[in-house]
Each structure stands twice: as structure tokens, then as C-alpha cells.
Amino acid sequence: MKTNKSLTKRIKITKNGKMLTRTPGGNHFNAKESRLKQLKRKRGQKITMSNKVRGRFMPGV
């Protein structure tokens, strides 16, 4: 089975196996947002997937 490349480009797998992705909505229209909201969006967001789904998108992981 092939790896889903569109997903692997958007996530980062940490040393302990956690999957991180960017928080959505941080590219534009941020002038109205408070500084705290802007900084919160810079941090990564943790993704949780079952092993069945994870194997479907990333067979090697």
C-alpha cells in the first residue's frame, strides 16, 4: 500500500511517535485577532488517530 503523500507533507512525527500539524486559520486576516490568539496558532496541534487509520495513510509508521 502506498503512503498518502498529501498527509505526510502536512504532519510531523516526533521522536515519541506523536503527530503534529499546524493550527488552521493562521495565514491571513489576522489583524483583528488578539496577539494571544495569533501566538496560539503558531504552536502545533496534536493529531490522534487509531492504528487502523494511521496504517491506511502511513503504512510504514
Protein backbone atom coordinates (compact mmCIF):
# COMPACT_ATOMS: atom_id res chain seq x y z
CA MET A 1 0.00 0.00 0.00
CA LYS A 2 1.27 3.46 -0.84
CA THR A 3 1.76 6.28 1.66
CA ASN A 4 -0.65 9.20 1.34
CA LYS A 5 1.85 11.93 0.39
CA SER A 6 -0.57 14.84 0.86
CA LEU A 7 -0.94 13.89 4.52
CA THR A 8 2.74 13.25 5.16
CA LYS A 9 3.64 16.72 3.87
CA ARG A 10 1.31 18.34 6.40
CA ILE A 11 2.32 16.46 9.54
CA LYS A 12 5.46 15.94 11.57
CA ILE A 13 6.07 12.81 13.60
CA THR A 14 8.01 13.39 16.81
CA LYS A 15 10.59 11.10 18.36
CA ASN A 16 7.97 9.53 20.63
CA GLY A 17 5.51 8.93 17.79
CA LYS A 18 3.16 11.88 18.31
CA MET A 19 1.78 13.52 15.18
CA LEU A 20 1.79 17.32 14.97
CA THR A 21 0.22 19.63 12.40
CA ARG A 22 -0.27 23.36 12.00
CA THR A 23 -3.27 25.00 13.61
CA PRO A 24 -5.72 26.07 10.88
CA GLY A 25 -6.58 29.68 10.16
CA GLY A 26 -3.22 31.34 10.70
CA ASN A 27 -2.30 32.56 7.22
CA HIS A 28 -4.26 35.75 6.66
CA PHE A 29 -6.97 38.00 8.15
CA ASN A 30 -5.07 38.12 11.45
CA ALA A 31 -5.04 41.89 12.01
CA LYS A 32 -8.26 41.73 14.04
CA GLU A 33 -7.08 38.87 16.22
CA SER A 34 -5.51 39.48 19.60
CA ARG A 35 -1.80 38.81 19.94
CA LEU A 36 -2.53 35.86 22.22
CA LYS A 37 -4.67 34.19 19.56
CA GLN A 38 -2.01 34.77 16.94
CA LEU A 39 0.66 33.16 19.11
CA LYS A 40 -1.59 30.20 19.93
CA ARG A 41 -1.91 29.46 16.24
CA LYS A 42 1.86 29.27 15.85
CA ARG A 43 2.01 26.20 18.05
CA GLY A 44 1.47 22.78 16.58
CA GLN A 45 -1.72 20.85 17.12
CA LYS A 46 -1.64 17.19 18.16
CA ILE A 47 -3.49 14.69 15.97
CA THR A 48 -4.88 11.45 17.32
CA MET A 49 -5.62 8.56 15.00
CA SER A 50 -6.41 4.94 15.60
CA ASN A 51 -3.80 2.46 14.43
CA LYS A 52 -6.15 1.27 11.68
CA VAL A 53 -6.49 4.77 10.20
CA ARG A 54 -2.80 5.54 10.70
CA GLY A 55 -1.86 2.37 8.81
CA ARG A 56 -4.12 3.41 5.95
CA PHE A 57 -2.38 6.77 5.48
CA MET A 58 1.15 5.84 6.54
CA PRO A 59 1.86 2.11 6.22
CA GLY A 60 5.48 2.38 7.35
CA VAL A 61 4.71 4.14 10.66
